[in-house]
Amino acid sequence: MKPLFSNKVFLLVMASDFLQNMGIWIRNMALLFYVVAQTNGDPVAVSMLTVAEYAPIFIFSLVGGVLADRWRPKRTMIIGDTLSFASILVILLVIQSGVWQAVFVVTVISAIVSQFSQPSSMKIFKQHVPEEHVKGAMALSQTMMSVFIIAGPMVGTAIYNWFGITASLSSLLVIFALSAIVLSFLPKSKAVTVTEKRSVLADFKEGLVFLKSQRELKILLLIFGVLALGIGLIAPLDVFLITDRLGMDKENLQWLAVSAGVGMLIGSILVGVFSIKLQGRWVVFAGLGFLAITTIVEAWSVWFGLTVSMELLNGISMAFMQTVLSAFMLSAVEERYIGRFNGLMTPVFTGAMLLGTGLSGIYMSVSSLITVYCSAGILFIIAGLIGLNLRMDAPKLDAVIEAKEKDTELNV
């Protein structure tokens, strides 16, 4: 872990991610409370915030991945922050004129920009973080995200309650400006060599050909999809653990959220500490199996202490698996394909999770809360069994690609 703290590029990217995570939580809480206040709690208007957040993922993720592979990552990330700054400035002026619906545009633009900046950030990690430190880097990144899961809602709520929507959005101007300044200190990105003019569709098809040729990445994509489906099934139902299983007031749901956040923080720290020892497919199977057990026990529990403990262990398992699998992905994918693979994985994960979320209420109404949680546990076990097919010590994929390209040239 120590070498990471002397890696200037890693620290700059982490500083930018810190600022952007802070901005996301300030934005999310401010827009939620503002829309509720403007519409007197209209559930349709509130749900439209979710649509505005997720719809761009399916529309722009694939295009963003292709273009992220074409463009220089440093420049892409700085342009993204600059566009976010400009859009929020315009929207602030519109809101001041009384058009409150402009807040939905903030969410859409932020979601679109992230489809370009996220794969660019991963490309910079790939270029400047040695492979032996990738798990540690992912663990530190996950640790920061876990901290924001715990503290983000409180910070965002406090800023909105104290200062209102104008100050909340104005703070985003400062945050995005600082992020762009931080990113400007990154070393100049290498130019992408282009031998011929190609369309976005052609580049995307090339990415699909790459994915089809890589057994490990197809397995990884399947694991993420099954895992996301299980997560989606239980994500909206935590409140029923409190009200139905424990017989407590719904306000106690906050303790489950805090437990999950603390668990994710602990899990990411554990991965960072033991990153060198966490090798092999059995680690994936054991982690997902443990997640399945804690999920099922949590559903059967009628004791508050046991439920909170299982939620804590769930958070540990989730952070553990996300960090290990993300690190493996970053190591396995060749640099020139990172954007396109990320562009494929993001809608698969998000789509599977939203599918699970959409089915959870219906599934619970025709069965039971315990049945839904046990089904999610079974999905986690299936994901673990799929993980047993991974060859996490497989030869470098870029070397395999080069060999295949040479074979193709010889055959021609």
Protein backbone atom coordinates (compact mmCIF):
# COMPACT_ATOMS: atom_id res chain seq x y z
CA MET A 1 0.00 0.00 0.00
CA LYS A 2 2.85 2.41 0.80
CA PRO A 3 4.02 2.74 -2.84
CA LEU A 4 0.55 4.01 -3.77
CA PHE A 5 0.91 7.00 -1.46
CA SER A 6 4.08 8.00 -3.30
CA ASN A 7 2.38 7.60 -6.69
CA LYS A 8 1.54 11.17 -7.75
CA VAL A 9 -0.89 10.13 -10.48
CA PHE A 10 -2.85 7.84 -8.16
CA LEU A 11 -3.13 10.55 -5.50
CA LEU A 12 -4.32 13.15 -8.03
CA VAL A 13 -7.00 10.82 -9.42
CA MET A 14 -8.11 9.94 -5.88
CA ALA A 15 -8.33 13.65 -5.00
CA SER A 16 -10.49 14.26 -8.07
CA ASP A 17 -12.67 11.24 -7.22
CA PHE A 18 -13.06 12.56 -3.66
CA LEU A 19 -14.31 15.91 -4.95
CA GLN A 20 -16.66 14.29 -7.45
CA ASN A 21 -18.11 11.90 -4.84
CA MET A 22 -18.76 14.85 -2.58
CA GLY A 23 -20.45 16.66 -5.46
CA ILE A 24 -22.62 13.64 -6.28
CA TRP A 25 -23.98 13.36 -2.75
CA ILE A 26 -24.57 17.10 -2.39
CA ARG A 27 -26.39 17.04 -5.74
CA ASN A 28 -28.45 13.92 -4.98
CA MET A 29 -29.72 15.08 -1.60
CA ALA A 30 -30.31 18.67 -2.68
CA LEU A 31 -32.27 17.70 -5.79
CA LEU A 32 -34.31 15.09 -3.90
CA PHE A 33 -35.40 17.53 -1.20
CA TYR A 34 -35.92 20.35 -3.69
CA VAL A 35 -38.17 18.27 -5.96
CA VAL A 36 -40.15 17.00 -2.95
CA ALA A 37 -40.64 20.59 -1.78
CA GLN A 38 -41.64 21.89 -5.23
CA THR A 39 -44.13 19.08 -5.94
CA ASN A 40 -45.48 18.48 -2.43
CA GLY A 41 -43.99 15.01 -2.46
CA ASP A 42 -45.26 13.89 -5.87
CA PRO A 43 -43.94 10.30 -6.27
CA VAL A 44 -43.89 10.61 -10.07
CA ALA A 45 -41.61 13.64 -9.95
CA VAL A 46 -39.35 11.93 -7.42
CA SER A 47 -39.16 8.78 -9.56
CA MET A 48 -38.21 10.91 -12.57
CA LEU A 49 -34.98 11.77 -10.76
CA THR A 50 -34.09 8.07 -10.87
CA VAL A 51 -34.98 7.93 -14.56
CA ALA A 52 -32.80 10.99 -15.21
CA GLU A 53 -29.92 9.30 -13.38
CA TYR A 54 -30.07 5.87 -15.02
CA ALA A 55 -31.42 6.47 -18.54
CA PRO A 56 -28.17 8.10 -19.81
CA ILE A 57 -26.24 5.00 -18.68
CA PHE A 58 -28.00 2.85 -21.27
CA ILE A 59 -27.92 5.54 -23.97
CA PHE A 60 -24.39 6.91 -23.56
CA SER A 61 -22.37 4.18 -21.82
CA LEU A 62 -21.43 2.31 -25.00
CA VAL A 63 -20.65 5.49 -26.93
CA GLY A 64 -18.76 6.92 -23.96
CA GLY A 65 -16.67 3.76 -23.71
CA VAL A 66 -15.70 3.87 -27.38
CA LEU A 67 -14.79 7.56 -27.28
CA ALA A 68 -12.88 7.13 -24.01
CA ASP A 69 -10.68 4.60 -25.81
CA ARG A 70 -10.10 7.12 -28.61
CA TRP A 71 -9.46 10.24 -26.56
CA ARG A 72 -6.68 11.17 -24.16
CA PRO A 73 -7.96 10.38 -20.65
CA LYS A 74 -6.57 13.48 -18.94
CA ARG A 75 -8.13 15.82 -21.47
CA THR A 76 -11.42 13.90 -21.40
CA MET A 77 -11.74 14.16 -17.62
CA ILE A 78 -10.90 17.87 -17.55
CA ILE A 79 -13.39 18.60 -20.35
CA GLY A 80 -16.00 16.61 -18.41
CA ASP A 81 -15.52 18.73 -15.28
CA THR A 82 -15.57 21.90 -17.38
CA LEU A 83 -18.84 20.92 -19.07
CA SER A 84 -20.37 20.07 -15.69
CA PHE A 85 -19.30 23.48 -14.36
CA ALA A 86 -20.79 25.31 -17.35
CA SER A 87 -24.07 23.37 -17.28
CA ILE A 88 -24.63 23.98 -13.57
CA LEU A 89 -23.92 27.68 -14.04
CA VAL A 90 -26.60 27.89 -16.75
CA ILE A 91 -29.08 25.85 -14.71
CA LEU A 92 -28.56 28.08 -11.68
CA LEU A 93 -29.57 31.06 -13.79
CA VAL A 94 -32.63 29.19 -15.08
CA ILE A 95 -33.73 28.19 -11.57
CA GLN A 96 -33.38 31.79 -10.44
CA SER A 97 -35.91 32.67 -13.12
CA GLY A 98 -38.41 30.25 -11.60
CA VAL A 99 -38.08 27.16 -13.83
CA TRP A 100 -37.44 24.56 -11.12
CA GLN A 101 -37.70 21.63 -13.57
CA ALA A 102 -34.17 22.49 -14.71
CA VAL A 103 -32.88 20.38 -11.79
CA PHE A 104 -33.60 17.26 -13.85
CA VAL A 105 -31.13 18.52 -16.46
CA VAL A 106 -28.39 18.62 -13.78
CA THR A 107 -28.87 14.92 -13.13
CA VAL A 108 -28.93 14.00 -16.82
CA ILE A 109 -25.78 15.97 -17.67
CA SER A 110 -23.90 14.57 -14.68
CA ALA A 111 -24.86 11.02 -15.67
CA ILE A 112 -23.77 11.59 -19.27
CA VAL A 113 -20.41 13.08 -18.30
CA SER A 114 -19.68 10.16 -15.97
CA GLN A 115 -19.97 7.74 -18.91
CA PHE A 116 -16.90 9.42 -20.42
CA SER A 117 -14.89 10.30 -17.31
CA GLN A 118 -15.20 6.96 -15.48
CA PRO A 119 -13.48 4.80 -18.15
CA SER A 120 -10.90 7.57 -18.63
CA SER A 121 -10.08 7.37 -14.92
CA MET A 122 -9.63 3.61 -15.24
CA LYS A 123 -7.31 4.09 -18.21
CA ILE A 124 -5.10 6.39 -16.14
CA PHE A 125 -5.00 3.75 -13.38
CA LYS A 126 -4.02 1.16 -15.98
CA GLN A 127 -1.21 3.37 -17.31
CA HIS A 128 0.32 4.51 -14.03
CA VAL A 129 -0.49 1.95 -11.30
CA PRO A 130 1.76 -1.16 -11.36
CA GLU A 131 -0.22 -4.39 -11.63
CA GLU A 132 0.91 -5.63 -8.21
CA HIS A 133 -0.68 -2.54 -6.63
CA VAL A 134 -3.99 -2.63 -8.52
CA LYS A 135 -5.92 -4.40 -5.73
CA GLY A 136 -4.62 -1.89 -3.20
CA ALA A 137 -5.63 0.99 -5.47
CA MET A 138 -9.13 -0.45 -5.94
CA ALA A 139 -9.39 -1.03 -2.19
CA LEU A 140 -8.54 2.60 -1.41
CA SER A 141 -11.02 3.77 -4.02
CA GLN A 142 -13.70 1.51 -2.50
CA THR A 143 -12.81 2.80 0.98
CA MET A 144 -13.46 6.36 -0.12
CA MET A 145 -16.79 5.39 -1.67
CA SER A 146 -17.78 3.62 1.55
CA VAL A 147 -17.00 6.72 3.60
CA PHE A 148 -19.30 8.73 1.35
CA ILE A 149 -22.06 6.12 1.64
CA ILE A 150 -21.99 6.79 5.38
CA ALA A 151 -21.28 10.52 5.45
CA GLY A 152 -22.56 11.66 2.04
CA PRO A 153 -26.30 11.78 2.89
CA MET A 154 -25.59 13.68 6.10
CA VAL A 155 -23.37 16.26 4.37
CA GLY A 156 -25.76 16.72 1.44
CA THR A 157 -28.79 17.03 3.74
CA ALA A 158 -27.02 19.52 6.02
CA ILE A 159 -25.94 21.80 3.16
CA TYR A 160 -29.44 21.85 1.67
CA ASN A 161 -31.19 22.40 5.02
CA TRP A 162 -28.81 25.18 6.03
CA PHE A 163 -28.34 27.01 2.74
CA GLY A 164 -30.94 25.82 0.19
CA ILE A 165 -30.82 24.72 -3.45
CA THR A 166 -28.89 27.74 -4.76
CA ALA A 167 -26.01 27.28 -2.34
CA SER A 168 -25.99 23.51 -2.92
CA LEU A 169 -25.65 23.90 -6.68
CA SER A 170 -23.16 26.76 -6.25
CA SER A 171 -20.97 24.48 -4.15
CA LEU A 172 -20.88 22.11 -7.13
CA LEU A 173 -19.31 24.90 -9.19
CA VAL A 174 -16.46 25.10 -6.68
CA ILE A 175 -16.12 21.31 -6.53
CA PHE A 176 -15.95 20.79 -10.31
CA ALA A 177 -13.54 23.71 -10.71
CA LEU A 178 -11.23 22.24 -8.05
CA SER A 179 -11.45 18.79 -9.65
CA ALA A 180 -10.44 20.20 -13.05
CA ILE A 181 -7.51 22.05 -11.45
CA VAL A 182 -6.35 18.87 -9.69
CA LEU A 183 -6.56 16.87 -12.93
CA SER A 184 -4.50 19.50 -14.76
CA PHE A 185 -1.47 18.36 -12.73
CA LEU A 186 -1.65 14.86 -14.23
CA PRO A 187 1.11 14.00 -16.70
CA LYS A 188 0.22 14.49 -20.33
CA SER A 189 -1.64 11.48 -21.70
CA LYS A 190 -0.19 9.55 -24.59
CA ALA A 191 -1.90 10.24 -27.89
CA VAL A 192 -3.94 7.34 -29.24
CA THR A 193 -2.45 6.11 -32.50
CA VAL A 194 -5.06 6.02 -35.26
CA THR A 195 -4.03 4.28 -38.46
CA GLU A 196 -7.36 4.75 -40.25
CA LYS A 197 -10.58 6.67 -39.84
CA ARG A 198 -13.16 4.44 -38.18
CA SER A 199 -16.74 5.00 -37.13
CA VAL A 200 -17.91 4.67 -33.54
CA LEU A 201 -19.90 1.60 -34.59
CA ALA A 202 -16.79 -0.02 -36.08
CA ASP A 203 -14.84 0.56 -32.88
CA PHE A 204 -17.70 -0.84 -30.83
CA LYS A 205 -17.83 -3.97 -33.00
CA GLU A 206 -14.08 -4.37 -32.50
CA GLY A 207 -14.69 -4.25 -28.75
CA LEU A 208 -17.33 -6.97 -29.06
CA VAL A 209 -14.91 -9.14 -31.04
CA PHE A 210 -12.33 -8.65 -28.29
CA LEU A 211 -14.85 -9.60 -25.60
CA LYS A 212 -15.97 -12.71 -27.47
CA SER A 213 -12.37 -13.86 -27.76
CA GLN A 214 -11.67 -13.51 -24.02
CA ARG A 215 -13.10 -16.31 -21.92
CA GLU A 216 -12.27 -14.68 -18.57
CA LEU A 217 -13.98 -11.41 -19.42
CA LYS A 218 -17.16 -13.14 -20.58
CA ILE A 219 -17.25 -15.01 -17.27
CA LEU A 220 -16.60 -11.79 -15.37
CA LEU A 221 -19.45 -10.04 -17.19
CA LEU A 222 -21.78 -12.93 -16.31
CA ILE A 223 -20.74 -12.79 -12.64
CA PHE A 224 -21.46 -9.06 -12.46
CA GLY A 225 -24.85 -9.57 -14.12
CA VAL A 226 -26.00 -12.34 -11.76
CA LEU A 227 -24.62 -10.49 -8.74
CA ALA A 228 -26.43 -7.28 -9.76
CA LEU A 229 -29.72 -9.16 -10.22
CA GLY A 230 -29.47 -10.48 -6.66
CA ILE A 231 -28.58 -7.06 -5.29
CA GLY A 232 -31.54 -5.51 -7.12
CA LEU A 233 -33.98 -8.08 -5.70
CA ILE A 234 -33.30 -7.13 -2.08
CA ALA A 235 -32.28 -3.46 -2.40
CA PRO A 236 -35.81 -1.97 -1.99
CA LEU A 237 -36.93 -4.45 0.68
CA ASP A 238 -34.70 -3.60 3.65
CA VAL A 239 -37.51 -1.56 5.17
CA PHE A 240 -39.62 -4.73 5.44
CA LEU A 241 -36.89 -6.41 7.47
CA ILE A 242 -37.45 -3.64 10.01
CA THR A 243 -41.25 -3.46 9.93
CA ASP A 244 -42.27 -7.09 9.19
CA ARG A 245 -39.52 -9.26 10.61
CA LEU A 246 -38.48 -7.10 13.58
CA GLY A 247 -41.78 -5.29 14.21
CA MET A 248 -40.04 -1.93 14.59
CA ASP A 249 -40.73 1.54 13.20
CA LYS A 250 -39.48 2.22 9.67
CA GLU A 251 -37.26 5.03 11.01
CA ASN A 252 -34.89 2.35 12.30
CA LEU A 253 -33.95 1.58 8.68
CA GLN A 254 -31.15 4.13 9.04
CA TRP A 255 -29.25 1.70 11.27
CA LEU A 256 -29.17 -0.88 8.50
CA ALA A 257 -27.86 1.76 6.08
CA VAL A 258 -25.15 2.80 8.54
CA SER A 259 -24.20 -0.85 9.19
CA ALA A 260 -23.90 -1.54 5.46
CA GLY A 261 -21.75 1.55 4.96
CA VAL A 262 -19.45 0.66 7.87
CA GLY A 263 -19.23 -2.89 6.54
CA MET A 264 -18.19 -1.66 3.10
CA LEU A 265 -15.56 0.53 4.73
CA ILE A 266 -14.17 -2.42 6.72
CA GLY A 267 -14.30 -4.71 3.69
CA SER A 268 -12.36 -2.35 1.45
CA ILE A 269 -9.75 -1.82 4.17
CA LEU A 270 -9.35 -5.60 4.57
CA VAL A 271 -8.80 -6.01 0.83
CA GLY A 272 -6.15 -3.30 0.94
CA VAL A 273 -4.34 -4.93 3.87
CA PHE A 274 -4.45 -8.48 2.50
CA SER A 275 -4.38 -7.65 -1.22
CA ILE A 276 -1.32 -9.77 -1.98
CA LYS A 277 -2.88 -12.88 -0.39
CA LEU A 278 -6.23 -12.49 -2.15
CA GLN A 279 -5.54 -14.49 -5.27
CA GLY A 280 -7.44 -17.17 -7.15
CA ARG A 281 -10.97 -18.16 -8.06
CA TRP A 282 -11.67 -19.73 -4.68
CA VAL A 283 -11.51 -16.27 -3.13
CA VAL A 284 -14.35 -15.18 -5.43
CA PHE A 285 -16.38 -18.29 -4.62
CA ALA A 286 -15.83 -17.97 -0.86
CA GLY A 287 -16.69 -14.26 -0.86
CA LEU A 288 -19.92 -14.71 -2.80
CA GLY A 289 -20.84 -17.79 -0.76
CA PHE A 290 -20.37 -15.81 2.45
CA LEU A 291 -22.54 -13.01 1.01
CA ALA A 292 -25.26 -15.57 0.27
CA ILE A 293 -25.21 -16.93 3.83
CA THR A 294 -25.40 -13.51 5.49
CA THR A 295 -28.25 -12.47 3.16
CA ILE A 296 -30.34 -15.55 4.00
CA VAL A 297 -29.65 -15.32 7.75
CA GLU A 298 -30.59 -11.63 7.70
CA ALA A 299 -34.00 -12.47 6.24
CA TRP A 300 -34.74 -15.16 8.86
CA SER A 301 -33.56 -13.01 11.77
CA VAL A 302 -36.11 -11.67 14.27
CA TRP A 303 -33.46 -10.02 16.49
CA PHE A 304 -32.35 -6.49 15.77
CA GLY A 305 -28.75 -7.14 16.79
CA LEU A 306 -28.45 -10.15 14.48
CA THR A 307 -30.02 -8.29 11.56
CA VAL A 308 -27.67 -5.34 11.97
CA SER A 309 -24.69 -7.72 12.28
CA MET A 310 -25.67 -9.51 9.06
CA GLU A 311 -26.04 -6.16 7.27
CA LEU A 312 -22.54 -5.27 8.48
CA LEU A 313 -21.17 -8.56 7.13
CA ASN A 314 -23.11 -8.00 3.89
CA GLY A 315 -21.34 -4.68 3.47
CA ILE A 316 -17.96 -6.31 4.11
CA SER A 317 -18.68 -9.05 1.55
CA MET A 318 -19.98 -6.61 -1.05
CA ALA A 319 -16.97 -4.29 -0.82
CA PHE A 320 -14.66 -7.31 -0.80
CA MET A 321 -16.12 -8.78 -3.99
CA GLN A 322 -16.46 -5.50 -5.87
CA THR A 323 -12.84 -4.63 -5.15
CA VAL A 324 -11.43 -8.06 -6.06
CA LEU A 325 -13.47 -8.37 -9.27
CA SER A 326 -12.81 -4.76 -10.35
CA ALA A 327 -9.08 -5.21 -9.78
CA PHE A 328 -9.10 -8.41 -11.83
CA MET A 329 -10.98 -6.63 -14.62
CA LEU A 330 -8.52 -3.74 -14.67
CA SER A 331 -5.58 -6.16 -14.82
CA ALA A 332 -7.15 -8.40 -17.46
CA VAL A 333 -8.39 -5.85 -19.99
CA GLU A 334 -5.86 -4.39 -22.38
CA GLU A 335 -5.57 -0.62 -22.08
CA ARG A 336 -6.98 0.16 -25.52
CA TYR A 337 -10.18 -1.77 -24.71
CA ILE A 338 -10.87 -0.48 -21.18
CA GLY A 339 -13.42 2.11 -22.27
CA ARG A 340 -15.38 -0.30 -24.45
CA PHE A 341 -15.43 -3.08 -21.86
CA ASN A 342 -16.54 -0.60 -19.21
CA GLY A 343 -19.18 0.62 -21.66
CA LEU A 344 -20.52 -2.93 -21.89
CA MET A 345 -20.25 -3.82 -18.21
CA THR A 346 -21.95 -0.70 -16.82
CA PRO A 347 -25.31 -1.18 -18.60
CA VAL A 348 -25.23 -4.94 -17.90
CA PHE A 349 -24.71 -4.37 -14.16
CA THR A 350 -27.15 -1.44 -13.97
CA GLY A 351 -29.77 -3.16 -16.13
CA ALA A 352 -29.65 -6.38 -14.11
CA MET A 353 -29.91 -4.45 -10.85
CA LEU A 354 -32.88 -2.40 -12.09
CA LEU A 355 -34.54 -5.58 -13.36
CA GLY A 356 -34.18 -7.12 -9.91
CA THR A 357 -35.50 -3.95 -8.28
CA GLY A 358 -38.49 -3.89 -10.62
CA LEU A 359 -39.33 -7.54 -9.90
CA SER A 360 -38.75 -7.47 -6.14
CA GLY A 361 -42.09 -5.97 -5.12
CA ILE A 362 -44.09 -8.25 -7.41
CA TYR A 363 -42.08 -11.30 -6.34
CA MET A 364 -42.61 -10.51 -2.66
CA SER A 365 -46.36 -10.00 -3.15
CA VAL A 366 -46.78 -13.50 -4.64
CA SER A 367 -44.35 -15.22 -2.24
CA SER A 368 -42.76 -13.79 0.90
CA LEU A 369 -39.92 -11.58 2.10
CA ILE A 370 -37.88 -14.62 3.13
CA THR A 371 -38.38 -16.23 -0.29
CA VAL A 372 -37.06 -13.13 -2.07
CA TYR A 373 -33.98 -12.93 0.17
CA CYS A 374 -33.30 -16.66 -0.20
CA SER A 375 -33.60 -16.29 -3.97
CA ALA A 376 -31.05 -13.48 -3.88
CA GLY A 377 -28.78 -15.73 -1.80
CA ILE A 378 -29.12 -18.48 -4.41
CA LEU A 379 -28.16 -15.99 -7.13
CA PHE A 380 -25.05 -15.05 -5.15
CA ILE A 381 -24.13 -18.75 -4.88
CA ILE A 382 -24.66 -19.16 -8.64
CA ALA A 383 -22.37 -16.17 -9.24
CA GLY A 384 -19.78 -17.83 -6.99
CA LEU A 385 -20.03 -21.11 -8.91
CA ILE A 386 -19.57 -19.20 -12.16
CA GLY A 387 -16.51 -17.59 -10.58
CA LEU A 388 -14.92 -21.02 -10.16
CA ASN A 389 -14.44 -21.01 -13.93
CA LEU A 390 -12.18 -17.96 -13.76
CA ARG A 391 -8.48 -18.43 -14.39
CA MET A 392 -7.24 -15.49 -12.34
CA ASP A 393 -3.66 -16.51 -13.00
CA ALA A 394 -4.26 -16.69 -16.75
CA PRO A 395 -1.58 -15.28 -19.09
CA LYS A 396 -1.72 -11.61 -19.94
CA LEU A 397 -4.57 -11.03 -22.38
CA ASP A 398 -2.75 -8.39 -24.39
CA ALA A 399 -0.04 -10.95 -25.14
CA VAL A 400 -2.72 -13.39 -26.29
CA ILE A 401 -4.22 -10.72 -28.55
CA GLU A 402 -0.85 -9.90 -30.09
CA ALA A 403 -0.26 -13.59 -30.77
CA LYS A 404 -3.67 -13.90 -32.43
CA GLU A 405 -3.02 -10.83 -34.56
CA LYS A 406 0.31 -12.30 -35.71
CA ASP A 407 -1.40 -15.59 -36.56
CA THR A 408 -3.99 -13.70 -38.58
CA GLU A 409 -1.28 -11.82 -40.48
CA LEU A 410 0.52 -15.09 -41.25
CA ASN A 411 -2.68 -16.73 -42.46
CA VAL A 412 -3.35 -13.76 -44.71
